[in-house]
N, C-alpha and C. Protein backbone atom coordinates (compact mmCIF):
# COMPACT_ATOMS: atom_id res chain seq x y z
N MET A 1 8.48 28.81 25.76
CA MET A 1 9.21 29.20 26.94
C MET A 1 9.23 28.08 27.97
N ALA A 2 8.11 27.39 28.12
CA ALA A 2 8.02 26.30 29.09
C ALA A 2 8.95 25.15 28.72
N VAL A 3 9.13 24.93 27.42
CA VAL A 3 10.01 23.87 26.95
C VAL A 3 11.45 24.17 27.34
N ALA A 4 11.86 25.42 27.21
CA ALA A 4 13.22 25.82 27.55
C ALA A 4 13.49 25.61 29.04
N ILE A 5 12.52 25.89 29.88
CA ILE A 5 12.67 25.70 31.33
C ILE A 5 12.82 24.21 31.65
N LYS A 6 12.02 23.37 30.99
CA LYS A 6 12.10 21.92 31.22
C LYS A 6 13.47 21.40 30.80
N ILE A 7 14.00 21.90 29.70
CA ILE A 7 15.31 21.46 29.21
C ILE A 7 16.40 21.84 30.20
N GLU A 8 16.33 23.06 30.74
CA GLU A 8 17.34 23.51 31.69
C GLU A 8 17.28 22.70 32.98
N LYS A 9 16.08 22.29 33.41
CA LYS A 9 15.94 21.50 34.63
C LYS A 9 16.57 20.13 34.46
N ARG A 10 16.53 19.58 33.25
CA ARG A 10 17.09 18.25 33.00
C ARG A 10 18.61 18.29 32.85
N GLY A 11 19.18 19.46 32.77
CA GLY A 11 20.62 19.57 32.64
C GLY A 11 21.11 19.37 31.22
N LEU A 12 20.25 19.56 30.25
CA LEU A 12 20.65 19.42 28.86
C LEU A 12 21.15 20.76 28.33
N ALA A 13 21.82 20.70 27.20
CA ALA A 13 22.33 21.93 26.59
C ALA A 13 21.16 22.80 26.13
N ARG A 14 21.38 24.11 26.16
CA ARG A 14 20.33 25.05 25.74
C ARG A 14 20.18 24.99 24.23
N GLU A 15 18.98 25.33 23.77
CA GLU A 15 18.71 25.37 22.33
C GLU A 15 19.46 26.53 21.70
N SER A 16 19.86 26.33 20.47
CA SER A 16 20.47 27.44 19.75
C SER A 16 19.35 28.40 19.34
N HIS A 17 19.74 29.61 19.02
CA HIS A 17 18.75 30.62 18.61
C HIS A 17 18.00 30.15 17.36
N LYS A 18 18.74 29.54 16.44
CA LYS A 18 18.14 29.07 15.19
C LYS A 18 17.10 27.97 15.45
N THR A 19 17.45 27.01 16.31
CA THR A 19 16.54 25.92 16.64
C THR A 19 15.29 26.45 17.32
N LYS A 20 15.47 27.40 18.20
CA LYS A 20 14.35 27.99 18.92
C LYS A 20 13.39 28.69 17.95
N ARG A 21 13.96 29.44 16.98
CA ARG A 21 13.13 30.13 15.99
C ARG A 21 12.33 29.15 15.15
N VAL A 22 12.99 28.07 14.71
CA VAL A 22 12.32 27.07 13.87
C VAL A 22 11.21 26.38 14.66
N ARG A 23 11.48 26.02 15.93
CA ARG A 23 10.47 25.37 16.76
C ARG A 23 9.26 26.28 16.96
N GLU A 24 9.51 27.55 17.23
CA GLU A 24 8.41 28.51 17.41
C GLU A 24 7.61 28.68 16.12
N LYS A 25 8.32 28.69 14.99
CA LYS A 25 7.66 28.80 13.69
C LYS A 25 6.74 27.60 13.45
N LEU A 26 7.24 26.41 13.77
CA LEU A 26 6.43 25.19 13.59
C LEU A 26 5.22 25.19 14.53
N GLN A 27 5.43 25.62 15.77
CA GLN A 27 4.31 25.69 16.71
C GLN A 27 3.25 26.67 16.21
N LYS A 28 3.70 27.79 15.68
CA LYS A 28 2.78 28.80 15.16
C LYS A 28 1.97 28.24 13.99
N ARG A 29 2.66 27.51 13.10
CA ARG A 29 1.99 26.92 11.94
C ARG A 29 0.95 25.88 12.38
N LEU A 30 1.30 25.05 13.37
CA LEU A 30 0.36 24.04 13.88
C LEU A 30 -0.87 24.71 14.51
N GLU A 31 -0.64 25.77 15.25
CA GLU A 31 -1.75 26.49 15.87
C GLU A 31 -2.68 27.08 14.81
N GLU A 32 -2.10 27.62 13.74
CA GLU A 32 -2.91 28.17 12.65
C GLU A 32 -3.75 27.08 12.00
N GLN A 33 -3.14 25.91 11.80
CA GLN A 33 -3.89 24.80 11.20
C GLN A 33 -5.02 24.35 12.11
N GLU A 34 -4.77 24.29 13.40
CA GLU A 34 -5.81 23.89 14.35
C GLU A 34 -6.96 24.90 14.36
N ARG A 35 -6.63 26.18 14.25
CA ARG A 35 -7.68 27.20 14.21
C ARG A 35 -8.49 27.13 12.92
N ALA A 36 -7.85 26.65 11.84
CA ALA A 36 -8.54 26.58 10.55
C ALA A 36 -9.55 25.43 10.50
N ILE A 37 -9.39 24.44 11.36
CA ILE A 37 -10.31 23.30 11.37
C ILE A 37 -11.49 23.64 12.27
N THR A 38 -12.55 24.08 11.64
CA THR A 38 -13.78 24.43 12.36
C THR A 38 -14.93 23.66 11.73
N PRO A 39 -16.05 23.56 12.43
CA PRO A 39 -17.21 22.88 11.83
C PRO A 39 -17.62 23.51 10.50
N HIS A 40 -17.51 24.84 10.41
CA HIS A 40 -17.87 25.53 9.16
C HIS A 40 -16.90 25.14 8.04
N ALA A 41 -15.60 25.08 8.35
CA ALA A 41 -14.60 24.72 7.34
C ALA A 41 -14.79 23.28 6.88
N ILE A 42 -15.15 22.40 7.80
CA ILE A 42 -15.40 20.99 7.44
C ILE A 42 -16.61 20.90 6.52
N GLU A 43 -17.65 21.67 6.84
CA GLU A 43 -18.86 21.68 5.99
C GLU A 43 -18.53 22.20 4.59
N GLN A 44 -17.72 23.26 4.52
CA GLN A 44 -17.32 23.81 3.23
C GLN A 44 -16.54 22.78 2.40
N LYS A 45 -15.62 22.08 3.05
CA LYS A 45 -14.82 21.07 2.35
C LYS A 45 -15.71 19.92 1.88
N THR A 46 -16.72 19.55 2.67
CA THR A 46 -17.66 18.49 2.27
C THR A 46 -18.42 18.90 1.02
N ILE A 47 -18.88 20.15 0.99
CA ILE A 47 -19.60 20.65 -0.19
C ILE A 47 -18.68 20.66 -1.40
N GLU A 48 -17.43 21.07 -1.19
CA GLU A 48 -16.46 21.10 -2.29
C GLU A 48 -16.21 19.69 -2.85
N ILE A 49 -16.11 18.70 -1.97
CA ILE A 49 -15.90 17.31 -2.42
C ILE A 49 -17.11 16.81 -3.20
N HIS A 50 -18.32 17.11 -2.70
CA HIS A 50 -19.54 16.69 -3.41
C HIS A 50 -19.62 17.33 -4.79
N ARG A 51 -19.23 18.59 -4.88
CA ARG A 51 -19.24 19.26 -6.19
C ARG A 51 -18.22 18.63 -7.14
N TRP A 52 -17.05 18.28 -6.61
CA TRP A 52 -16.03 17.64 -7.44
C TRP A 52 -16.54 16.31 -7.98
N ILE A 53 -17.18 15.53 -7.10
CA ILE A 53 -17.72 14.22 -7.52
C ILE A 53 -18.78 14.43 -8.60
N ALA A 54 -19.67 15.40 -8.41
CA ALA A 54 -20.73 15.67 -9.39
C ALA A 54 -20.13 16.15 -10.71
N ARG A 55 -19.10 16.96 -10.65
CA ARG A 55 -18.47 17.49 -11.85
C ARG A 55 -17.80 16.39 -12.66
N HIS A 56 -17.27 15.37 -12.00
CA HIS A 56 -16.57 14.28 -12.68
C HIS A 56 -17.45 13.05 -12.90
N ALA A 57 -18.74 13.17 -12.64
CA ALA A 57 -19.66 12.04 -12.80
C ALA A 57 -19.68 11.46 -14.21
N PRO A 58 -19.60 12.27 -15.28
CA PRO A 58 -19.63 11.69 -16.64
C PRO A 58 -18.45 10.76 -16.92
N TYR A 59 -17.37 10.93 -16.20
CA TYR A 59 -16.18 10.11 -16.44
C TYR A 59 -16.15 8.85 -15.56
N ARG A 60 -17.16 8.70 -14.72
CA ARG A 60 -17.20 7.58 -13.79
C ARG A 60 -17.47 6.28 -14.54
N VAL A 61 -16.80 5.21 -14.15
CA VAL A 61 -17.00 3.89 -14.75
C VAL A 61 -17.97 3.12 -13.88
N VAL A 62 -19.05 2.64 -14.48
CA VAL A 62 -20.06 1.90 -13.73
C VAL A 62 -19.59 0.45 -13.59
N LEU A 63 -19.53 -0.04 -12.38
CA LEU A 63 -19.07 -1.40 -12.12
C LEU A 63 -20.20 -2.21 -11.49
N ARG A 64 -21.18 -2.54 -12.28
CA ARG A 64 -22.28 -3.35 -11.75
C ARG A 64 -22.02 -4.83 -11.94
N SER A 65 -21.25 -5.17 -12.98
CA SER A 65 -21.02 -6.58 -13.27
C SER A 65 -19.87 -7.18 -12.47
N LYS A 66 -19.01 -6.34 -11.91
CA LYS A 66 -17.85 -6.84 -11.18
C LYS A 66 -18.03 -6.62 -9.68
N ASN A 67 -17.50 -7.58 -8.95
CA ASN A 67 -17.50 -7.45 -7.50
C ASN A 67 -16.12 -6.95 -7.09
N ILE A 68 -16.06 -5.74 -6.61
CA ILE A 68 -14.79 -5.13 -6.24
C ILE A 68 -14.67 -5.13 -4.72
N SER A 69 -13.54 -5.61 -4.24
CA SER A 69 -13.28 -5.54 -2.81
C SER A 69 -11.89 -4.97 -2.61
N LEU A 70 -11.62 -4.56 -1.41
CA LEU A 70 -10.34 -3.93 -1.14
C LEU A 70 -9.19 -4.91 -1.33
N PHE A 71 -9.34 -6.13 -0.83
CA PHE A 71 -8.30 -7.15 -0.99
C PHE A 71 -8.98 -8.45 -1.36
N ASP A 72 -8.73 -8.92 -2.56
CA ASP A 72 -9.44 -10.11 -3.05
C ASP A 72 -8.63 -11.38 -2.90
N GLU A 73 -7.59 -11.36 -2.07
CA GLU A 73 -6.76 -12.53 -1.80
C GLU A 73 -6.25 -13.16 -3.09
N ASN A 74 -5.91 -12.33 -4.06
CA ASN A 74 -5.32 -12.74 -5.33
C ASN A 74 -6.23 -13.69 -6.12
N GLN A 75 -7.53 -13.50 -6.03
CA GLN A 75 -8.46 -14.33 -6.79
C GLN A 75 -8.47 -13.93 -8.26
N ASN A 76 -8.25 -12.67 -8.54
CA ASN A 76 -8.23 -12.17 -9.92
C ASN A 76 -6.78 -11.91 -10.32
N THR A 77 -6.09 -12.98 -10.66
CA THR A 77 -4.68 -12.84 -10.99
C THR A 77 -4.50 -12.38 -12.42
N ALA A 78 -3.32 -11.90 -12.71
CA ALA A 78 -3.00 -11.48 -14.08
C ALA A 78 -2.77 -12.72 -14.94
N ARG A 79 -2.93 -12.55 -16.26
CA ARG A 79 -2.71 -13.67 -17.17
C ARG A 79 -1.24 -14.06 -17.16
N LEU A 80 -1.00 -15.36 -17.41
CA LEU A 80 0.38 -15.85 -17.47
C LEU A 80 1.02 -15.41 -18.76
N SER A 81 2.32 -15.18 -18.71
CA SER A 81 3.04 -14.85 -19.94
C SER A 81 3.19 -16.12 -20.78
N ARG A 82 3.50 -15.95 -22.06
CA ARG A 82 3.64 -17.11 -22.95
C ARG A 82 4.74 -18.04 -22.47
N ARG A 83 5.83 -17.47 -22.01
CA ARG A 83 6.96 -18.28 -21.54
C ARG A 83 6.56 -19.13 -20.34
N VAL A 84 5.92 -18.50 -19.37
CA VAL A 84 5.50 -19.23 -18.17
C VAL A 84 4.45 -20.27 -18.54
N GLU A 85 3.57 -19.93 -19.46
CA GLU A 85 2.54 -20.88 -19.90
C GLU A 85 3.18 -22.09 -20.57
N ALA A 86 4.22 -21.87 -21.39
CA ALA A 86 4.91 -22.97 -22.07
C ALA A 86 5.60 -23.87 -21.04
N ILE A 87 6.24 -23.28 -20.05
CA ILE A 87 6.90 -24.06 -19.01
C ILE A 87 5.87 -24.88 -18.23
N ALA A 88 4.74 -24.28 -17.92
CA ALA A 88 3.69 -24.98 -17.19
C ALA A 88 3.16 -26.16 -18.00
N GLN A 89 3.00 -25.98 -19.31
CA GLN A 89 2.53 -27.07 -20.16
C GLN A 89 3.54 -28.20 -20.20
N LYS A 90 4.84 -27.87 -20.30
CA LYS A 90 5.89 -28.90 -20.30
C LYS A 90 5.85 -29.71 -19.01
N LEU A 91 5.75 -29.00 -17.90
CA LEU A 91 5.69 -29.69 -16.61
C LEU A 91 4.45 -30.58 -16.52
N GLN A 92 3.34 -30.07 -17.01
CA GLN A 92 2.09 -30.84 -17.00
C GLN A 92 2.26 -32.12 -17.80
N GLN A 93 2.90 -32.03 -18.98
CA GLN A 93 3.12 -33.20 -19.82
C GLN A 93 4.05 -34.19 -19.15
N GLN A 94 5.10 -33.69 -18.51
CA GLN A 94 6.04 -34.58 -17.84
C GLN A 94 5.39 -35.30 -16.67
N LEU A 95 4.52 -34.61 -15.97
CA LEU A 95 3.87 -35.22 -14.81
C LEU A 95 2.80 -36.23 -15.22
N THR A 96 2.24 -36.06 -16.39
CA THR A 96 1.16 -36.96 -16.81
C THR A 96 1.64 -38.08 -17.71
N LEU A 97 2.96 -38.25 -17.87
CA LEU A 97 3.47 -39.36 -18.67
C LEU A 97 3.07 -40.67 -18.00
N PRO A 98 2.69 -41.66 -18.80
CA PRO A 98 2.29 -42.93 -18.19
C PRO A 98 3.50 -43.58 -17.51
N SER A 99 3.33 -43.91 -16.27
CA SER A 99 4.43 -44.55 -15.54
C SER A 99 4.26 -46.06 -15.62
N LYS A 100 5.37 -46.73 -15.70
CA LYS A 100 5.35 -48.19 -15.79
C LYS A 100 5.12 -48.77 -14.41
N ASP A 101 4.54 -49.95 -14.40
CA ASP A 101 4.39 -50.65 -13.13
C ASP A 101 5.77 -51.03 -12.62
N LEU A 102 5.85 -51.36 -11.37
CA LEU A 102 7.13 -51.73 -10.79
C LEU A 102 7.72 -52.96 -11.46
N LYS A 103 6.86 -53.86 -11.92
CA LYS A 103 7.33 -55.09 -12.55
C LYS A 103 8.03 -54.77 -13.87
N GLU A 104 7.56 -53.76 -14.57
CA GLU A 104 8.09 -53.44 -15.89
C GLU A 104 9.32 -52.54 -15.84
N ARG A 105 9.62 -51.98 -14.69
CA ARG A 105 10.75 -51.06 -14.58
C ARG A 105 12.05 -51.83 -14.51
N HIS A 106 13.05 -51.31 -15.16
CA HIS A 106 14.38 -51.90 -15.11
C HIS A 106 15.32 -50.87 -14.49
N ILE A 107 15.85 -51.23 -13.36
CA ILE A 107 16.75 -50.33 -12.66
C ILE A 107 18.17 -50.72 -13.00
N GLN A 108 18.93 -49.75 -13.46
CA GLN A 108 20.31 -50.02 -13.83
C GLN A 108 21.19 -49.91 -12.59
N LYS A 109 22.16 -50.80 -12.52
CA LYS A 109 23.09 -50.76 -11.40
C LYS A 109 24.12 -49.68 -11.67
N GLN A 110 24.46 -48.96 -10.64
CA GLN A 110 25.45 -47.91 -10.79
C GLN A 110 26.83 -48.51 -10.58
N SER A 111 27.75 -48.14 -11.44
CA SER A 111 29.12 -48.63 -11.29
C SER A 111 29.88 -47.72 -10.35
N ARG A 112 30.73 -48.36 -9.56
CA ARG A 112 31.46 -47.58 -8.56
C ARG A 112 32.84 -47.30 -8.98
């Protein structure tokens, strides 16, 4: 009701009946959710989560040998594909070709 009064004071169009019903429905739902969040409900949910973890403990993977962090700055990258690996090897070979000294190089003149 207070929202409707504020809208009328600003000179805006009134809400349609349908919009008003939906807004009231949403407000009611939010209030119900707020009432459902109590210290007792939080404690119950905590117990439920602990039980779920205990129930699924046999399926847990033990990670003692690996260091897991949230973001490892791409330190553990995926393996390269064969194609990319072949291209990398070609580039490596081209870059490591023995280059001639400047004295031994023959520069061809370009014709115009």
